[in-house]
Amino acid sequence: MAKKLDPKQKSAATTRRKRPLATPTDLSQVATRDISAALNQILADVFALYLKTKNFHWHVSGPHFRDYHLLLDEQSDQLFAMTDPLAERVRKVGGTTLRSIGHIARTQRVLDNDADYVQPQDMLAELREDNKALAAALRAAHDVTDEHHDIASSSLLENWIDETERRTWFLFEASRDADRIGN
C-alpha cells in the first residue's frame, strides 16, 4: 500500500518533479536567481577571455614571442581553472549554468577578436583592458553575493579578483614601451 504524503511533502515532491535540478539551499529563490545570474555572466566572460587569450597565445609573433607565448599560456590556464568552480558554485546555490557556446556568446561582455593578425603589443593591451573589465565585473558580482550573505561565493570572487589584477599588472608591464619607461 502506498504511503500518503502530507500536503507539505506533496508540494515538495511536485516541486522536485517540475525543477529536478533545483539543488536544496538555505538561500532564498531571489538570492539563487541573483547569484546565479551574476556568476553565469562572469562564467561567460571568463570563457570568452580564455579563448581570446588562447587565440593570442597561438598567434603571437615577433622578437618577444617566447615570453609572450608563455605569459599568455599561463594566463589562459588560470582563466580556464576558474570555469569549473564558477559553474559548480551556481549549481551549489540552486541555479543552472551555461549550456553551450551559443549560450556563452549570448551572455558574454568580452568582445571577440577574429582578426587575421594582431600586433603583439595590441594583443597585450586588449587583454589588459579585458582583464581590467573582468576585475570590475567580479567586484560587481561580489556585491551581489555579499547582499545575499553568500560567503562561499564571495570568497571565491575575492581570490579571482586578485588573480585578475595580477594578470592586468603583468600585461601592463609586458606591454610598456621600453623607450618611454620613466616618462
C-alpha atoms as a PDB file:
ATOM      1  CA  MET A   1       0.000   0.000   0.000  1.00  0.00           C
ATOM      2  CA  ALA A   2       1.327   3.414  -0.960  1.00  0.00           C
ATOM      3  CA  LYS A   3       2.103   5.828   1.833  1.00  0.00           C
ATOM      4  CA  LYS A   4       0.093   9.042   1.739  1.00  0.00           C
ATOM      5  CA  LEU A   5       2.078  12.269   1.733  1.00  0.00           C
ATOM      6  CA  ASP A   6       1.083  15.212   3.867  1.00  0.00           C
ATOM      7  CA  PRO A   7       0.452  18.460   1.896  1.00  0.00           C
ATOM      8  CA  LYS A   8       3.966  19.831   2.588  1.00  0.00           C
ATOM      9  CA  GLN A   9       5.632  16.636   1.382  1.00  0.00           C
ATOM     10  CA  LYS A  10       3.348  16.520  -1.658  1.00  0.00           C
ATOM     11  CA  SER A  11       4.256  20.122  -2.537  1.00  0.00           C
ATOM     12  CA  ALA A  12       7.990  19.395  -2.195  1.00  0.00           C
ATOM     13  CA  ALA A  13       7.691  16.279  -4.374  1.00  0.00           C
ATOM     14  CA  THR A  14       5.796  18.235  -7.046  1.00  0.00           C
ATOM     15  CA  THR A  15       8.445  20.977  -6.994  1.00  0.00           C
ATOM     16  CA  ARG A  16      11.225  18.392  -7.433  1.00  0.00           C
ATOM     17  CA  ARG A  17       9.481  16.966 -10.496  1.00  0.00           C
ATOM     18  CA  LYS A  18       8.965  20.420 -12.000  1.00  0.00           C
ATOM     19  CA  ARG A  19      12.500  21.581 -11.173  1.00  0.00           C
ATOM     20  CA  PRO A  20      14.644  18.440 -10.982  1.00  0.00           C
ATOM     21  CA  LEU A  21      17.920  20.428 -10.895  1.00  0.00           C
ATOM     22  CA  ALA A  22      16.865  22.704  -8.026  1.00  0.00           C
ATOM     23  CA  THR A  23      19.650  21.950  -5.545  1.00  0.00           C
ATOM     24  CA  PRO A  24      18.466  22.360  -1.943  1.00  0.00           C
ATOM     25  CA  THR A  25      19.828  25.542  -0.372  1.00  0.00           C
ATOM     26  CA  ASP A  26      19.088  27.821   2.534  1.00  0.00           C
ATOM     27  CA  LEU A  27      19.293  30.795   0.162  1.00  0.00           C
ATOM     28  CA  SER A  28      16.053  32.397  -0.972  1.00  0.00           C
ATOM     29  CA  GLN A  29      14.791  31.979  -4.538  1.00  0.00           C
ATOM     30  CA  VAL A  30      15.685  35.631  -5.149  1.00  0.00           C
ATOM     31  CA  ALA A  31      19.221  35.025  -3.871  1.00  0.00           C
ATOM     32  CA  THR A  32      19.573  31.938  -6.067  1.00  0.00           C
ATOM     33  CA  ARG A  33      18.336  33.887  -9.092  1.00  0.00           C
ATOM     34  CA  ASP A  34      20.580  36.914  -8.470  1.00  0.00           C
ATOM     35  CA  ILE A  35      23.730  34.976  -7.583  1.00  0.00           C
ATOM     36  CA  SER A  36      23.286  32.533 -10.480  1.00  0.00           C
ATOM     37  CA  ALA A  37      22.805  35.394 -12.940  1.00  0.00           C
ATOM     38  CA  ALA A  38      25.892  37.225 -11.666  1.00  0.00           C
ATOM     39  CA  LEU A  39      28.097  34.125 -11.680  1.00  0.00           C
ATOM     40  CA  ASN A  40      26.860  32.951 -15.089  1.00  0.00           C
ATOM     41  CA  GLN A  41      27.697  36.381 -16.502  1.00  0.00           C
ATOM     42  CA  ILE A  42      31.211  36.042 -15.083  1.00  0.00           C
ATOM     43  CA  LEU A  43      31.468  32.488 -16.417  1.00  0.00           C
ATOM     44  CA  ALA A  44      30.572  33.605 -19.947  1.00  0.00           C
ATOM     45  CA  ASP A  45      33.128  36.409 -19.760  1.00  0.00           C
ATOM     46  CA  VAL A  46      35.809  34.052 -18.451  1.00  0.00           C
ATOM     47  CA  PHE A  47      35.183  31.545 -21.261  1.00  0.00           C
ATOM     48  CA  ALA A  48      35.343  34.355 -23.844  1.00  0.00           C
ATOM     49  CA  LEU A  49      38.521  35.793 -22.307  1.00  0.00           C
ATOM     50  CA  TYR A  50      40.046  32.315 -22.075  1.00  0.00           C
ATOM     51  CA  LEU A  51      39.513  31.698 -25.789  1.00  0.00           C
ATOM     52  CA  LYS A  52      40.773  35.166 -26.742  1.00  0.00           C
ATOM     53  CA  THR A  53      43.883  34.650 -24.601  1.00  0.00           C
ATOM     54  CA  LYS A  54      44.471  31.242 -26.215  1.00  0.00           C
ATOM     55  CA  ASN A  55      43.934  32.769 -29.669  1.00  0.00           C
ATOM     56  CA  PHE A  56      46.604  35.380 -28.974  1.00  0.00           C
ATOM     57  CA  HIS A  57      48.866  32.712 -27.426  1.00  0.00           C
ATOM     58  CA  TRP A  58      48.611  30.677 -30.636  1.00  0.00           C
ATOM     59  CA  HIS A  59      49.124  33.645 -32.956  1.00  0.00           C
ATOM     60  CA  VAL A  60      51.647  35.872 -31.196  1.00  0.00           C
ATOM     61  CA  SER A  61      54.824  36.581 -33.155  1.00  0.00           C
ATOM     62  CA  GLY A  62      57.864  38.797 -33.082  1.00  0.00           C
ATOM     63  CA  PRO A  63      61.021  39.319 -31.041  1.00  0.00           C
ATOM     64  CA  HIS A  64      59.294  38.650 -27.684  1.00  0.00           C
ATOM     65  CA  PHE A  65      57.481  35.569 -28.967  1.00  0.00           C
ATOM     66  CA  ARG A  66      58.665  33.151 -26.286  1.00  0.00           C
ATOM     67  CA  ASP A  67      57.958  35.478 -23.360  1.00  0.00           C
ATOM     68  CA  TYR A  68      54.505  36.472 -24.626  1.00  0.00           C
ATOM     69  CA  HIS A  69      53.644  32.920 -25.680  1.00  0.00           C
ATOM     70  CA  LEU A  70      54.436  31.601 -22.193  1.00  0.00           C
ATOM     71  CA  LEU A  71      52.711  34.528 -20.437  1.00  0.00           C
ATOM     72  CA  LEU A  72      49.510  34.043 -22.408  1.00  0.00           C
ATOM     73  CA  ASP A  73      49.583  30.280 -21.883  1.00  0.00           C
ATOM     74  CA  GLU A  74      49.913  30.780 -18.122  1.00  0.00           C
ATOM     75  CA  GLN A  75      47.095  33.327 -18.117  1.00  0.00           C
ATOM     76  CA  SER A  76      44.780  31.158 -20.206  1.00  0.00           C
ATOM     77  CA  ASP A  77      45.370  28.222 -17.836  1.00  0.00           C
ATOM     78  CA  GLN A  78      44.436  30.456 -14.913  1.00  0.00           C
ATOM     79  CA  LEU A  79      41.242  31.572 -16.643  1.00  0.00           C
ATOM     80  CA  PHE A  80      40.234  28.023 -17.551  1.00  0.00           C
ATOM     81  CA  ALA A  81      40.804  26.971 -13.945  1.00  0.00           C
ATOM     82  CA  MET A  82      38.051  29.415 -12.914  1.00  0.00           C
ATOM     83  CA  THR A  83      35.365  27.854 -15.101  1.00  0.00           C
ATOM     84  CA  ASP A  84      34.505  24.675 -13.214  1.00  0.00           C
ATOM     85  CA  PRO A  85      34.411  26.281  -9.741  1.00  0.00           C
ATOM     86  CA  LEU A  86      32.202  29.065 -11.138  1.00  0.00           C
ATOM     87  CA  ALA A  87      29.739  26.660 -12.745  1.00  0.00           C
ATOM     88  CA  GLU A  88      29.712  24.359  -9.729  1.00  0.00           C
ATOM     89  CA  ARG A  89      29.067  27.313  -7.428  1.00  0.00           C
ATOM     90  CA  VAL A  90      25.997  28.213  -9.494  1.00  0.00           C
ATOM     91  CA  ARG A  91      24.744  24.640  -9.056  1.00  0.00           C
ATOM     92  CA  LYS A  92      25.520  24.634  -5.316  1.00  0.00           C
ATOM     93  CA  VAL A  93      23.333  27.697  -4.745  1.00  0.00           C
ATOM     94  CA  GLY A  94      20.447  26.078  -6.619  1.00  0.00           C
ATOM     95  CA  GLY A  95      20.847  27.587 -10.086  1.00  0.00           C
ATOM     96  CA  THR A  96      21.627  26.222 -13.503  1.00  0.00           C
ATOM     97  CA  THR A  97      24.529  27.311 -15.605  1.00  0.00           C
ATOM     98  CA  LEU A  98      25.655  27.846 -19.177  1.00  0.00           C
ATOM     99  CA  ARG A  99      24.899  25.020 -21.562  1.00  0.00           C
ATOM    100  CA  SER A 100      26.597  25.806 -24.870  1.00  0.00           C
ATOM    101  CA  ILE A 101      28.931  28.016 -26.897  1.00  0.00           C
ATOM    102  CA  GLY A 102      25.806  29.813 -28.127  1.00  0.00           C
ATOM    103  CA  HIS A 103      24.743  30.493 -24.544  1.00  0.00           C
ATOM    104  CA  ILE A 104      28.193  31.923 -23.835  1.00  0.00           C
ATOM    105  CA  ALA A 105      28.020  34.079 -26.987  1.00  0.00           C
ATOM    106  CA  ARG A 106      24.626  35.470 -25.963  1.00  0.00           C
ATOM    107  CA  THR A 107      25.836  36.230 -22.437  1.00  0.00           C
ATOM    108  CA  GLN A 108      29.471  37.384 -22.766  1.00  0.00           C
ATOM    109  CA  ARG A 109      30.524  41.020 -22.485  1.00  0.00           C
ATOM    110  CA  VAL A 110      34.140  40.390 -23.546  1.00  0.00           C
ATOM    111  CA  LEU A 111      34.405  41.173 -27.251  1.00  0.00           C
ATOM    112  CA  ASP A 112      35.838  38.551 -29.574  1.00  0.00           C
ATOM    113  CA  ASN A 113      38.826  39.308 -31.779  1.00  0.00           C
ATOM    114  CA  ASP A 114      38.643  37.439 -35.087  1.00  0.00           C
ATOM    115  CA  ALA A 115      41.340  39.451 -36.853  1.00  0.00           C
ATOM    116  CA  ASP A 116      43.757  37.504 -39.029  1.00  0.00           C
ATOM    117  CA  TYR A 117      46.696  39.369 -37.494  1.00  0.00           C
ATOM    118  CA  VAL A 118      47.079  41.459 -34.357  1.00  0.00           C
ATOM    119  CA  GLN A 119      50.309  43.200 -33.359  1.00  0.00           C
ATOM    120  CA  PRO A 120      51.717  41.676 -30.143  1.00  0.00           C
ATOM    121  CA  GLN A 121      51.513  44.999 -28.273  1.00  0.00           C
ATOM    122  CA  ASP A 122      47.869  45.338 -29.336  1.00  0.00           C
ATOM    123  CA  MET A 123      47.176  41.814 -28.084  1.00  0.00           C
ATOM    124  CA  LEU A 124      48.596  42.633 -24.676  1.00  0.00           C
ATOM    125  CA  ALA A 125      46.751  45.959 -24.497  1.00  0.00           C
ATOM    126  CA  GLU A 126      43.434  44.357 -25.441  1.00  0.00           C
ATOM    127  CA  LEU A 127      43.842  41.565 -22.913  1.00  0.00           C
ATOM    128  CA  ARG A 128      44.886  44.098 -20.264  1.00  0.00           C
ATOM    129  CA  GLU A 129      41.662  46.061 -20.800  1.00  0.00           C
ATOM    130  CA  ASP A 130      39.570  42.873 -20.850  1.00  0.00           C
ATOM    131  CA  ASN A 131      41.105  41.725 -17.566  1.00  0.00           C
ATOM    132  CA  LYS A 132      40.571  45.167 -16.062  1.00  0.00           C
ATOM    133  CA  ALA A 133      36.893  44.976 -17.070  1.00  0.00           C
ATOM    134  CA  LEU A 134      36.690  41.443 -15.669  1.00  0.00           C
ATOM    135  CA  ALA A 135      38.017  42.674 -12.306  1.00  0.00           C
ATOM    136  CA  ALA A 136      35.243  45.296 -12.233  1.00  0.00           C
ATOM    137  CA  ALA A 137      32.653  42.647 -13.126  1.00  0.00           C
ATOM    138  CA  LEU A 138      33.984  40.360 -10.392  1.00  0.00           C
ATOM    139  CA  ARG A 139      33.594  43.201  -7.892  1.00  0.00           C
ATOM    140  CA  ALA A 140      30.005  43.777  -9.044  1.00  0.00           C
ATOM    141  CA  ALA A 141      29.266  40.055  -8.644  1.00  0.00           C
ATOM    142  CA  HIS A 142      30.855  40.235  -5.189  1.00  0.00           C
ATOM    143  CA  ASP A 143      28.362  42.976  -4.282  1.00  0.00           C
ATOM    144  CA  VAL A 144      25.530  40.594  -5.230  1.00  0.00           C
ATOM    145  CA  THR A 145      26.935  37.682  -3.233  1.00  0.00           C
ATOM    146  CA  ASP A 146      27.547  39.961  -0.229  1.00  0.00           C
ATOM    147  CA  GLU A 147      23.988  41.282  -0.423  1.00  0.00           C
ATOM    148  CA  HIS A 148      22.679  37.715  -0.101  1.00  0.00           C
ATOM    149  CA  HIS A 149      25.256  36.659   2.530  1.00  0.00           C
ATOM    150  CA  ASP A 150      26.777  34.033   0.210  1.00  0.00           C
ATOM    151  CA  ILE A 151      30.156  33.914   1.909  1.00  0.00           C
ATOM    152  CA  ALA A 152      31.486  30.988  -0.135  1.00  0.00           C
ATOM    153  CA  SER A 153      30.875  32.725  -3.473  1.00  0.00           C
ATOM    154  CA  SER A 154      32.289  35.986  -2.101  1.00  0.00           C
ATOM    155  CA  SER A 155      35.439  34.193  -1.003  1.00  0.00           C
ATOM    156  CA  LEU A 156      35.978  32.653  -4.448  1.00  0.00           C
ATOM    157  CA  LEU A 157      35.389  36.011  -6.109  1.00  0.00           C
ATOM    158  CA  GLU A 158      37.941  37.690  -3.846  1.00  0.00           C
ATOM    159  CA  ASN A 159      40.637  35.262  -4.960  1.00  0.00           C
ATOM    160  CA  TRP A 160      39.689  35.703  -8.620  1.00  0.00           C
ATOM    161  CA  ILE A 161      39.789  39.486  -8.275  1.00  0.00           C
ATOM    162  CA  ASP A 162      43.366  39.191  -7.008  1.00  0.00           C
ATOM    163  CA  GLU A 163      44.331  36.824  -9.853  1.00  0.00           C
ATOM    164  CA  THR A 164      42.698  39.110 -12.415  1.00  0.00           C
ATOM    165  CA  GLU A 165      44.514  42.155 -11.048  1.00  0.00           C
ATOM    166  CA  ARG A 166      47.771  40.195 -11.315  1.00  0.00           C
ATOM    167  CA  ARG A 167      47.060  39.345 -14.968  1.00  0.00           C
ATOM    168  CA  THR A 168      46.263  43.008 -15.638  1.00  0.00           C
ATOM    169  CA  TRP A 169      49.507  44.086 -13.964  1.00  0.00           C
ATOM    170  CA  PHE A 170      51.632  41.579 -15.907  1.00  0.00           C
ATOM    171  CA  LEU A 171      50.026  42.578 -19.199  1.00  0.00           C
ATOM    172  CA  PHE A 172      50.614  46.238 -18.387  1.00  0.00           C
ATOM    173  CA  GLU A 173      54.280  45.708 -17.534  1.00  0.00           C
ATOM    174  CA  ALA A 174      54.889  43.423 -20.525  1.00  0.00           C
ATOM    175  CA  SER A 175      53.396  45.991 -22.904  1.00  0.00           C
ATOM    176  CA  ARG A 176      55.202  49.103 -21.672  1.00  0.00           C
ATOM    177  CA  ASP A 177      57.244  50.876 -24.308  1.00  0.00           C
ATOM    178  CA  ALA A 178      60.885  50.479 -23.262  1.00  0.00           C
ATOM    179  CA  ASP A 179      61.781  53.894 -24.756  1.00  0.00           C
ATOM    180  CA  ARG A 180      59.180  55.651 -22.614  1.00  0.00           C
ATOM    181  CA  ILE A 181      59.742  53.956 -19.232  1.00  0.00           C
ATOM    182  CA  GLY A 182      60.176  56.616 -16.618  1.00  0.00           C
ATOM    183  CA  ASN A 183      58.395  59.322 -18.631  1.00  0.00           C
END
